[in-house]
Amino acid sequence: MVAWPLVARAQQPRMPVIGFISGTWPDAERLRALRQGLKETGYIEGENLIISYSWAEGHVERLPAMIAELVRRQVTVIVPVGTPPTLAAATATKTVPITFVIGEDPVKLGIVASLSRPGGNATGINLINVELAAKRLELLRELLPETTRVAVLVNPS
């Protein structure tokens, strides 16, 4: 009877761990949205879920080692944000589930087989930024037909 609490505690399932990784710096709004979305599905960080955060801070060369560490720790799922972390995760593991957020075509990048049937261990959200760029300029032209020049700020990485 005295040992029962120890046995019960030893039989409890491991708390799921999300390996969240970004090639940039922390983004408070994105993290708030992640936590809110998880909360809406019953997962609360620290109560029934652990989130392990990794930030490459613009040093994409660090990503393979950071992803390897998440794989070594046997996280439940890897959540890479951006193309470089997603490519690093897809290269590092074919077994740990990957749920990505990228602005490029994951089929062209070789991350998934198709958008409708990704196959493998990776799936996610494609923000289709490249495909929408022309449409955005078209809408701008309709809204401001007198405009002759448009400046675009782009992060090349």
Protein backbone atom coordinates (compact mmCIF):
# COMPACT_ATOMS: atom_id res chain seq x y z
CA MET A 1 0.00 0.00 0.00
CA VAL A 2 2.86 2.38 0.80
CA ALA A 3 4.46 1.80 -2.63
CA TRP A 4 1.21 2.37 -4.56
CA PRO A 5 1.76 6.14 -5.22
CA LEU A 6 5.22 5.40 -6.62
CA VAL A 7 3.89 2.69 -8.95
CA ALA A 8 1.00 4.91 -10.11
CA ARG A 9 3.37 7.79 -10.81
CA ALA A 10 5.75 5.54 -12.77
CA GLN A 11 2.89 4.35 -15.01
CA GLN A 12 1.75 7.82 -16.05
CA PRO A 13 2.31 8.55 -19.76
CA ARG A 14 5.06 10.94 -20.77
CA MET A 15 3.91 14.53 -21.32
CA PRO A 16 4.00 15.44 -25.05
CA VAL A 17 6.80 17.79 -26.09
CA ILE A 18 6.56 20.20 -29.03
CA GLY A 19 9.93 21.17 -30.47
CA PHE A 20 9.20 24.68 -31.76
CA ILE A 21 12.04 26.05 -33.89
CA SER A 22 12.48 29.28 -35.79
CA GLY A 23 15.31 30.62 -37.89
CA THR A 24 14.65 34.11 -36.54
CA TRP A 25 14.08 35.73 -33.14
CA PRO A 26 11.16 35.21 -30.73
CA ASP A 27 7.86 36.65 -31.97
CA ALA A 28 5.51 37.30 -29.04
CA GLU A 29 2.37 37.48 -31.20
CA ARG A 30 3.11 34.20 -32.97
CA LEU A 31 3.80 32.48 -29.65
CA ARG A 32 0.60 33.87 -28.15
CA ALA A 33 -1.37 32.51 -31.12
CA LEU A 34 0.33 29.10 -30.81
CA ARG A 35 -0.51 28.86 -27.11
CA GLN A 36 -4.08 30.04 -27.71
CA GLY A 37 -4.64 27.50 -30.50
CA LEU A 38 -3.27 24.71 -28.33
CA LYS A 39 -5.44 25.85 -25.40
CA GLU A 40 -8.54 25.71 -27.63
CA THR A 41 -7.80 22.04 -28.29
CA GLY A 42 -7.20 21.24 -24.63
CA TYR A 43 -3.41 21.57 -24.43
CA ILE A 44 -1.96 23.99 -21.89
CA GLU A 45 1.77 24.58 -21.72
CA GLY A 46 3.14 23.38 -18.40
CA GLU A 47 -0.01 21.45 -17.46
CA ASN A 48 -0.35 18.73 -20.09
CA LEU A 49 2.20 19.83 -22.68
CA ILE A 50 5.80 21.01 -22.85
CA ILE A 51 7.06 23.36 -25.56
CA SER A 52 10.79 23.42 -26.18
CA TYR A 53 11.70 26.68 -27.96
CA SER A 54 14.73 27.09 -30.23
CA TRP A 55 15.74 30.32 -31.96
CA ALA A 56 18.49 30.44 -34.60
CA GLU A 57 18.42 34.26 -34.51
CA GLY A 58 19.24 34.53 -38.20
CA HIS A 59 22.09 31.98 -38.06
CA VAL A 60 20.65 29.29 -40.34
CA GLU A 61 23.89 27.31 -40.11
CA ARG A 62 22.85 26.44 -36.53
CA LEU A 63 19.59 24.81 -37.61
CA PRO A 64 20.85 21.27 -38.40
CA ALA A 65 22.41 20.92 -34.93
CA MET A 66 19.33 22.42 -33.27
CA ILE A 67 17.02 20.00 -35.10
CA ALA A 68 19.35 17.08 -34.32
CA GLU A 69 19.04 17.95 -30.63
CA LEU A 70 15.22 17.87 -30.85
CA VAL A 71 15.36 14.49 -32.60
CA ARG A 72 17.79 13.17 -29.98
CA ARG A 73 15.43 14.32 -27.22
CA GLN A 74 12.61 12.41 -28.96
CA VAL A 75 10.15 15.30 -29.04
CA THR A 76 6.57 14.38 -29.94
CA VAL A 77 6.45 16.76 -32.90
CA ILE A 78 8.77 19.33 -34.50
CA VAL A 79 7.15 22.65 -35.44
CA PRO A 80 9.57 24.55 -37.70
CA VAL A 81 8.57 28.09 -38.73
CA GLY A 82 10.04 29.20 -42.05
CA THR A 83 11.71 27.45 -44.94
CA PRO A 84 15.26 26.94 -43.56
CA PRO A 85 14.08 25.25 -40.32
CA THR A 86 11.58 23.14 -42.27
CA LEU A 87 14.22 21.96 -44.73
CA ALA A 88 16.59 21.18 -41.84
CA ALA A 89 13.87 19.17 -40.07
CA ALA A 90 12.88 17.26 -43.22
CA THR A 91 16.53 16.38 -43.80
CA ALA A 92 17.18 15.37 -40.18
CA THR A 93 14.32 12.94 -39.60
CA LYS A 94 11.89 10.73 -41.46
CA THR A 95 10.23 9.47 -38.27
CA VAL A 96 9.48 12.43 -35.95
CA PRO A 97 6.29 14.20 -37.12
CA ILE A 98 6.91 17.67 -38.59
CA THR A 99 4.20 20.35 -38.75
CA PHE A 100 5.62 23.32 -40.65
CA VAL A 101 4.66 26.89 -41.54
CA ILE A 102 6.35 28.15 -44.72
CA GLY A 103 5.78 30.70 -47.45
CA GLU A 104 7.09 28.55 -50.30
CA ASP A 105 5.75 25.53 -52.15
CA PRO A 106 6.59 22.46 -50.02
CA VAL A 107 6.15 20.18 -53.05
CA LYS A 108 8.76 22.09 -55.10
CA LEU A 109 11.09 22.04 -52.08
CA GLY A 110 10.71 18.26 -51.77
CA ILE A 111 9.28 18.42 -48.25
CA VAL A 112 5.97 16.72 -49.16
CA ALA A 113 4.78 14.57 -52.05
CA SER A 114 1.69 16.70 -52.74
CA LEU A 115 -0.46 19.31 -51.00
CA SER A 116 -3.48 17.00 -50.80
CA ARG A 117 -1.51 13.91 -49.71
CA PRO A 118 1.76 15.00 -48.13
CA GLY A 119 2.89 11.47 -47.24
CA GLY A 120 5.91 10.88 -45.03
CA ASN A 121 6.23 12.58 -41.65
CA ALA A 122 5.74 16.21 -42.71
CA THR A 123 2.63 18.31 -43.17
CA GLY A 124 1.84 21.93 -42.55
CA ILE A 125 0.71 25.32 -43.71
CA ASN A 126 1.87 26.92 -46.94
CA LEU A 127 1.29 30.67 -46.85
CA ILE A 128 1.67 30.82 -50.67
CA ASN A 129 3.33 34.23 -50.49
CA VAL A 130 5.07 33.85 -53.83
CA GLU A 131 1.88 32.93 -55.68
CA LEU A 132 -0.03 35.82 -54.11
CA ALA A 133 2.54 38.52 -54.85
CA ALA A 134 1.26 39.15 -58.38
CA LYS A 135 -2.34 39.23 -57.16
CA ARG A 136 -1.44 41.75 -54.45
CA LEU A 137 0.15 44.04 -57.04
CA GLU A 138 -2.91 43.66 -59.26
CA LEU A 139 -5.19 44.67 -56.38
CA LEU A 140 -2.93 47.61 -55.55
CA ARG A 141 -3.14 48.74 -59.19
CA GLU A 142 -6.96 48.57 -59.04
CA LEU A 143 -7.10 50.51 -55.76
CA LEU A 144 -4.53 53.14 -56.76
CA PRO A 145 -4.54 53.32 -60.59
CA GLU A 146 -2.58 56.60 -60.61
CA THR A 147 0.39 54.92 -58.87
CA THR A 148 3.41 54.58 -61.17
CA ARG A 149 6.00 53.22 -58.74
CA VAL A 150 5.82 50.65 -56.00
CA ALA A 151 8.61 49.92 -53.52
CA VAL A 152 8.85 46.44 -52.07
CA LEU A 153 10.87 45.53 -48.97
CA VAL A 154 12.08 41.95 -49.01
CA ASN A 155 14.08 39.85 -46.59
CA PRO A 156 16.32 37.86 -48.96
CA SER A 157 16.93 35.12 -46.39
